[in-house]
């Protein structure tokens, strides 16, 4: 099973935890994997990792009213999880940036 230290991750991307994080594993067939959530000072972070597929699929949502660099978050995800491919959408003050 994958180990997630979501609190450390949040600190390393320059954000502060207010509540949580809460991380649980689901054994539900078709939805097996990890779900994690935390309330941060500027909003919230939620992640899901489905591990029934290979490679595993991750969705990681950072919603913040504060400034942050999506490339920094992608680099941290790659560093912690050695991903095969990252795609993201970044909405900054009404402007959508996809990569």
N, C-alpha and C. Protein backbone atom coordinates (compact mmCIF):
# COMPACT_ATOMS: atom_id res chain seq x y z
N UNK A 1 0.84 -1.19 0.00
CA UNK A 1 0.00 0.00 0.00
C UNK A 1 0.89 1.25 0.00
N UNK A 2 0.42 2.29 -0.60
CA UNK A 2 1.13 3.55 -0.71
C UNK A 2 1.00 4.30 0.63
N UNK A 3 2.10 4.87 1.10
CA UNK A 3 2.07 5.68 2.32
C UNK A 3 1.98 7.15 1.94
N UNK A 4 1.07 7.85 2.56
CA UNK A 4 0.86 9.27 2.27
C UNK A 4 1.08 10.08 3.55
N UNK A 5 2.01 11.01 3.53
CA UNK A 5 2.18 11.97 4.63
C UNK A 5 1.70 13.31 4.10
N UNK A 6 0.38 13.48 4.09
CA UNK A 6 -0.23 14.66 3.49
C UNK A 6 0.15 15.93 4.25
N UNK A 7 0.29 15.85 5.56
CA UNK A 7 0.67 17.04 6.33
C UNK A 7 2.05 17.54 5.91
N UNK A 8 3.00 16.63 5.77
CA UNK A 8 4.35 17.00 5.33
C UNK A 8 4.30 17.58 3.92
N UNK A 9 3.54 16.95 3.04
CA UNK A 9 3.39 17.44 1.66
C UNK A 9 2.89 18.88 1.66
N UNK A 10 1.86 19.16 2.45
CA UNK A 10 1.27 20.49 2.49
C UNK A 10 2.29 21.51 2.98
N UNK A 11 3.04 21.17 4.00
CA UNK A 11 4.08 22.07 4.50
C UNK A 11 5.15 22.31 3.45
N UNK A 12 5.53 21.28 2.71
CA UNK A 12 6.59 21.39 1.71
C UNK A 12 6.18 22.21 0.48
N UNK A 13 4.88 22.38 0.26
CA UNK A 13 4.45 23.25 -0.85
C UNK A 13 4.10 24.65 -0.34
N UNK A 14 4.48 24.93 0.92
CA UNK A 14 4.35 26.28 1.45
C UNK A 14 2.98 26.66 1.96
N UNK A 15 2.17 25.67 2.34
CA UNK A 15 0.83 25.96 2.85
C UNK A 15 0.74 25.50 4.30
N UNK A 16 -0.31 25.96 5.01
CA UNK A 16 -0.46 25.63 6.42
C UNK A 16 -1.78 24.91 6.66
N UNK A 17 -1.70 23.81 7.40
CA UNK A 17 -2.87 23.01 7.75
C UNK A 17 -3.65 23.69 8.87
N UNK A 18 -4.98 23.74 8.72
CA UNK A 18 -5.86 24.21 9.79
C UNK A 18 -6.59 23.04 10.44
N UNK A 19 -7.02 22.06 9.61
CA UNK A 19 -7.71 20.87 10.11
C UNK A 19 -7.24 19.66 9.32
N UNK A 20 -7.12 18.55 10.00
CA UNK A 20 -6.69 17.34 9.33
C UNK A 20 -5.18 17.27 9.31
N UNK A 21 -4.62 16.64 8.34
CA UNK A 21 -5.32 15.96 7.24
C UNK A 21 -5.92 14.64 7.68
N UNK A 22 -6.87 14.20 6.90
CA UNK A 22 -7.53 12.93 7.11
C UNK A 22 -7.21 12.07 5.89
N UNK A 23 -6.67 10.88 6.12
CA UNK A 23 -6.31 9.97 5.04
C UNK A 23 -6.88 8.60 5.36
N UNK A 24 -7.63 8.03 4.44
CA UNK A 24 -8.27 6.72 4.64
C UNK A 24 -8.11 5.88 3.38
N UNK A 25 -8.12 4.56 3.56
CA UNK A 25 -8.07 3.62 2.44
C UNK A 25 -9.46 3.02 2.25
N UNK A 26 -9.92 2.97 1.02
CA UNK A 26 -11.21 2.36 0.70
C UNK A 26 -10.97 1.00 0.05
N UNK A 27 -11.66 -0.02 0.52
CA UNK A 27 -11.60 -1.36 -0.06
C UNK A 27 -12.75 -1.63 -1.02
N UNK A 28 -13.55 -0.63 -1.32
CA UNK A 28 -14.71 -0.82 -2.18
C UNK A 28 -14.26 -1.20 -3.59
N UNK A 29 -14.77 -2.34 -4.10
CA UNK A 29 -14.41 -2.81 -5.43
C UNK A 29 -14.76 -1.74 -6.46
N UNK A 30 -13.81 -1.45 -7.35
CA UNK A 30 -14.01 -0.43 -8.36
C UNK A 30 -13.61 0.96 -7.88
N UNK A 31 -13.34 1.09 -6.59
CA UNK A 31 -12.96 2.39 -6.03
C UNK A 31 -11.86 2.23 -4.97
N UNK A 32 -11.11 1.12 -5.06
CA UNK A 32 -10.07 0.87 -4.06
C UNK A 32 -8.98 1.92 -4.17
N UNK A 33 -8.56 2.40 -3.02
CA UNK A 33 -7.46 3.35 -3.00
C UNK A 33 -7.55 4.30 -1.83
N UNK A 34 -6.72 5.32 -1.89
CA UNK A 34 -6.56 6.27 -0.80
C UNK A 34 -7.29 7.57 -1.11
N UNK A 35 -7.95 8.11 -0.09
CA UNK A 35 -8.52 9.44 -0.17
C UNK A 35 -7.96 10.24 0.99
N UNK A 36 -7.52 11.45 0.70
CA UNK A 36 -7.00 12.33 1.74
C UNK A 36 -7.56 13.72 1.57
N UNK A 37 -7.76 14.41 2.68
CA UNK A 37 -8.29 15.77 2.63
C UNK A 37 -7.74 16.57 3.79
N UNK A 38 -7.55 17.86 3.55
CA UNK A 38 -7.11 18.77 4.61
C UNK A 38 -7.69 20.15 4.35
N UNK A 39 -8.02 20.84 5.43
CA UNK A 39 -8.40 22.24 5.34
C UNK A 39 -7.11 23.03 5.56
N UNK A 40 -6.80 23.91 4.62
CA UNK A 40 -5.60 24.75 4.74
C UNK A 40 -6.05 26.18 5.03
N UNK A 41 -5.12 27.03 5.44
CA UNK A 41 -5.48 28.41 5.78
C UNK A 41 -6.20 29.13 4.66
N UNK A 42 -5.88 28.80 3.43
CA UNK A 42 -6.47 29.52 2.30
C UNK A 42 -7.54 28.73 1.57
N UNK A 43 -7.90 27.52 2.02
CA UNK A 43 -9.02 26.74 1.49
C UNK A 43 -8.85 25.26 1.79
N UNK A 44 -8.59 24.43 0.75
CA UNK A 44 -8.51 22.98 1.02
C UNK A 44 -7.66 22.26 -0.03
N UNK A 45 -7.27 21.03 0.34
CA UNK A 45 -6.54 20.12 -0.55
C UNK A 45 -7.21 18.76 -0.43
N UNK A 46 -7.50 18.14 -1.57
CA UNK A 46 -8.11 16.81 -1.59
C UNK A 46 -7.38 15.96 -2.61
N UNK A 47 -7.11 14.70 -2.26
CA UNK A 47 -6.45 13.79 -3.20
C UNK A 47 -7.13 12.44 -3.18
N UNK A 48 -7.08 11.78 -4.32
CA UNK A 48 -7.58 10.41 -4.46
C UNK A 48 -6.53 9.64 -5.26
N UNK A 49 -6.24 8.42 -4.83
CA UNK A 49 -5.37 7.52 -5.58
C UNK A 49 -6.12 6.21 -5.75
N UNK A 50 -6.42 5.86 -6.99
CA UNK A 50 -7.07 4.59 -7.29
C UNK A 50 -5.97 3.59 -7.63
N UNK A 51 -5.83 2.53 -6.82
CA UNK A 51 -4.71 1.61 -7.01
C UNK A 51 -5.10 0.28 -7.67
N UNK A 52 -6.33 0.14 -8.11
CA UNK A 52 -6.73 -1.08 -8.82
C UNK A 52 -6.20 -1.09 -10.25
N UNK A 53 -5.93 0.08 -10.79
CA UNK A 53 -5.39 0.16 -12.15
C UNK A 53 -3.87 0.24 -12.07
N UNK A 54 -3.21 -0.13 -13.15
CA UNK A 54 -1.75 -0.06 -13.17
C UNK A 54 -1.31 0.68 -14.43
N UNK A 55 -0.62 1.79 -14.29
CA UNK A 55 -0.21 2.39 -13.01
C UNK A 55 -1.39 3.01 -12.29
N UNK A 56 -1.23 3.24 -11.00
CA UNK A 56 -2.29 3.85 -10.20
C UNK A 56 -2.63 5.23 -10.77
N UNK A 57 -3.86 5.66 -10.53
CA UNK A 57 -4.33 6.95 -11.01
C UNK A 57 -4.52 7.88 -9.82
N UNK A 58 -3.99 9.10 -9.91
CA UNK A 58 -4.12 10.07 -8.83
C UNK A 58 -4.83 11.32 -9.34
N UNK A 59 -5.72 11.85 -8.50
CA UNK A 59 -6.31 13.16 -8.73
C UNK A 59 -5.98 13.97 -7.49
N UNK A 60 -5.40 15.14 -7.69
CA UNK A 60 -4.93 15.97 -6.58
C UNK A 60 -5.44 17.37 -6.80
N UNK A 61 -6.32 17.83 -5.91
CA UNK A 61 -6.93 19.16 -6.05
C UNK A 61 -6.38 20.09 -4.97
N UNK A 62 -5.83 21.20 -5.41
CA UNK A 62 -5.40 22.25 -4.49
C UNK A 62 -6.28 23.45 -4.82
N UNK A 63 -7.09 23.85 -3.87
CA UNK A 63 -7.94 25.02 -4.05
C UNK A 63 -7.49 26.04 -3.03
N UNK A 64 -7.03 27.18 -3.50
CA UNK A 64 -6.48 28.17 -2.58
C UNK A 64 -6.73 29.58 -3.09
N UNK A 65 -7.08 30.46 -2.17
CA UNK A 65 -7.18 31.89 -2.48
C UNK A 65 -5.80 32.53 -2.45
N UNK A 66 -4.81 31.81 -1.91
CA UNK A 66 -3.45 32.32 -1.84
C UNK A 66 -2.68 32.03 -3.12
N UNK A 67 -1.56 32.68 -3.26
CA UNK A 67 -0.69 32.48 -4.42
C UNK A 67 0.07 31.16 -4.29
N UNK A 68 0.18 30.42 -5.39
CA UNK A 68 1.03 29.24 -5.41
C UNK A 68 1.41 28.93 -6.84
N UNK A 69 2.46 28.15 -7.00
CA UNK A 69 2.97 27.78 -8.31
C UNK A 69 2.57 26.33 -8.61
N UNK A 70 1.71 26.10 -9.61
CA UNK A 70 1.29 24.73 -9.90
C UNK A 70 2.46 23.84 -10.32
N UNK A 71 3.49 24.41 -10.95
CA UNK A 71 4.67 23.62 -11.32
C UNK A 71 5.37 23.07 -10.07
N UNK A 72 5.42 23.88 -9.01
CA UNK A 72 6.01 23.45 -7.75
C UNK A 72 5.25 22.25 -7.18
N UNK A 73 3.92 22.30 -7.25
CA UNK A 73 3.10 21.20 -6.75
C UNK A 73 3.30 19.97 -7.62
N UNK A 74 3.33 20.12 -8.94
CA UNK A 74 3.56 18.99 -9.84
C UNK A 74 4.93 18.36 -9.58
N UNK A 75 5.94 19.19 -9.38
CA UNK A 75 7.29 18.67 -9.10
C UNK A 75 7.31 17.89 -7.79
N UNK A 76 6.60 18.38 -6.78
CA UNK A 76 6.54 17.69 -5.49
C UNK A 76 5.80 16.37 -5.63
N UNK A 77 4.71 16.34 -6.38
CA UNK A 77 3.98 15.09 -6.61
C UNK A 77 4.89 14.09 -7.31
N UNK A 78 5.61 14.53 -8.35
CA UNK A 78 6.52 13.65 -9.07
C UNK A 78 7.63 13.14 -8.16
N UNK A 79 8.16 14.00 -7.32
CA UNK A 79 9.22 13.62 -6.39
C UNK A 79 8.74 12.56 -5.39
N UNK A 80 7.53 12.73 -4.86
CA UNK A 80 7.00 11.82 -3.84
C UNK A 80 6.43 10.53 -4.42
N UNK A 81 5.93 10.57 -5.67
CA UNK A 81 5.21 9.42 -6.20
C UNK A 81 5.80 8.84 -7.48
N UNK A 82 6.84 9.43 -8.03
CA UNK A 82 7.47 8.95 -9.27
C UNK A 82 6.42 8.65 -10.34
N UNK A 83 5.68 9.67 -10.73
CA UNK A 83 4.58 9.51 -11.67
C UNK A 83 5.07 9.30 -13.11
N UNK A 84 4.18 8.72 -13.93
CA UNK A 84 4.47 8.51 -15.34
C UNK A 84 4.11 9.74 -16.17
N UNK A 85 3.04 10.41 -15.77
CA UNK A 85 2.54 11.54 -16.54
C UNK A 85 1.73 12.45 -15.62
N UNK A 86 1.90 13.75 -15.79
CA UNK A 86 1.12 14.72 -15.03
C UNK A 86 0.42 15.67 -16.00
N UNK A 87 -0.87 15.84 -15.78
CA UNK A 87 -1.65 16.84 -16.49
C UNK A 87 -2.31 17.70 -15.43
N UNK A 88 -2.38 19.00 -15.67
CA UNK A 88 -3.05 19.83 -14.68
C UNK A 88 -3.80 20.98 -15.34
N UNK A 89 -4.74 21.50 -14.57
CA UNK A 89 -5.47 22.71 -14.94
C UNK A 89 -5.31 23.68 -13.79
N UNK A 90 -5.00 24.91 -14.11
CA UNK A 90 -4.77 25.93 -13.10
C UNK A 90 -5.65 27.12 -13.42
N UNK A 91 -6.52 27.47 -12.50
CA UNK A 91 -7.42 28.60 -12.67
C UNK A 91 -6.94 29.72 -11.76
N UNK A 92 -6.45 30.79 -12.36
CA UNK A 92 -5.92 31.92 -11.60
C UNK A 92 -6.74 33.16 -11.91
N UNK A 93 -7.53 33.59 -10.95
CA UNK A 93 -8.32 34.80 -11.10
C UNK A 93 -9.11 34.82 -12.41
N UNK A 94 -9.76 33.67 -12.71
CA UNK A 94 -10.62 33.57 -13.88
C UNK A 94 -9.94 33.19 -15.17
N UNK A 95 -8.62 32.93 -15.15
CA UNK A 95 -7.89 32.54 -16.35
C UNK A 95 -7.49 31.06 -16.23
N UNK A 96 -7.93 30.21 -17.15
CA UNK A 96 -7.61 28.78 -17.12
C UNK A 96 -6.33 28.51 -17.87
N UNK A 97 -5.41 27.83 -17.22
CA UNK A 97 -4.13 27.42 -17.84
C UNK A 97 -4.07 25.91 -17.78
N UNK A 98 -3.94 25.24 -18.93
CA UNK A 98 -3.83 23.77 -18.97
C UNK A 98 -2.46 23.38 -19.46
N UNK A 99 -1.98 22.28 -18.94
CA UNK A 99 -0.69 21.75 -19.39
C UNK A 99 -0.69 20.25 -19.30
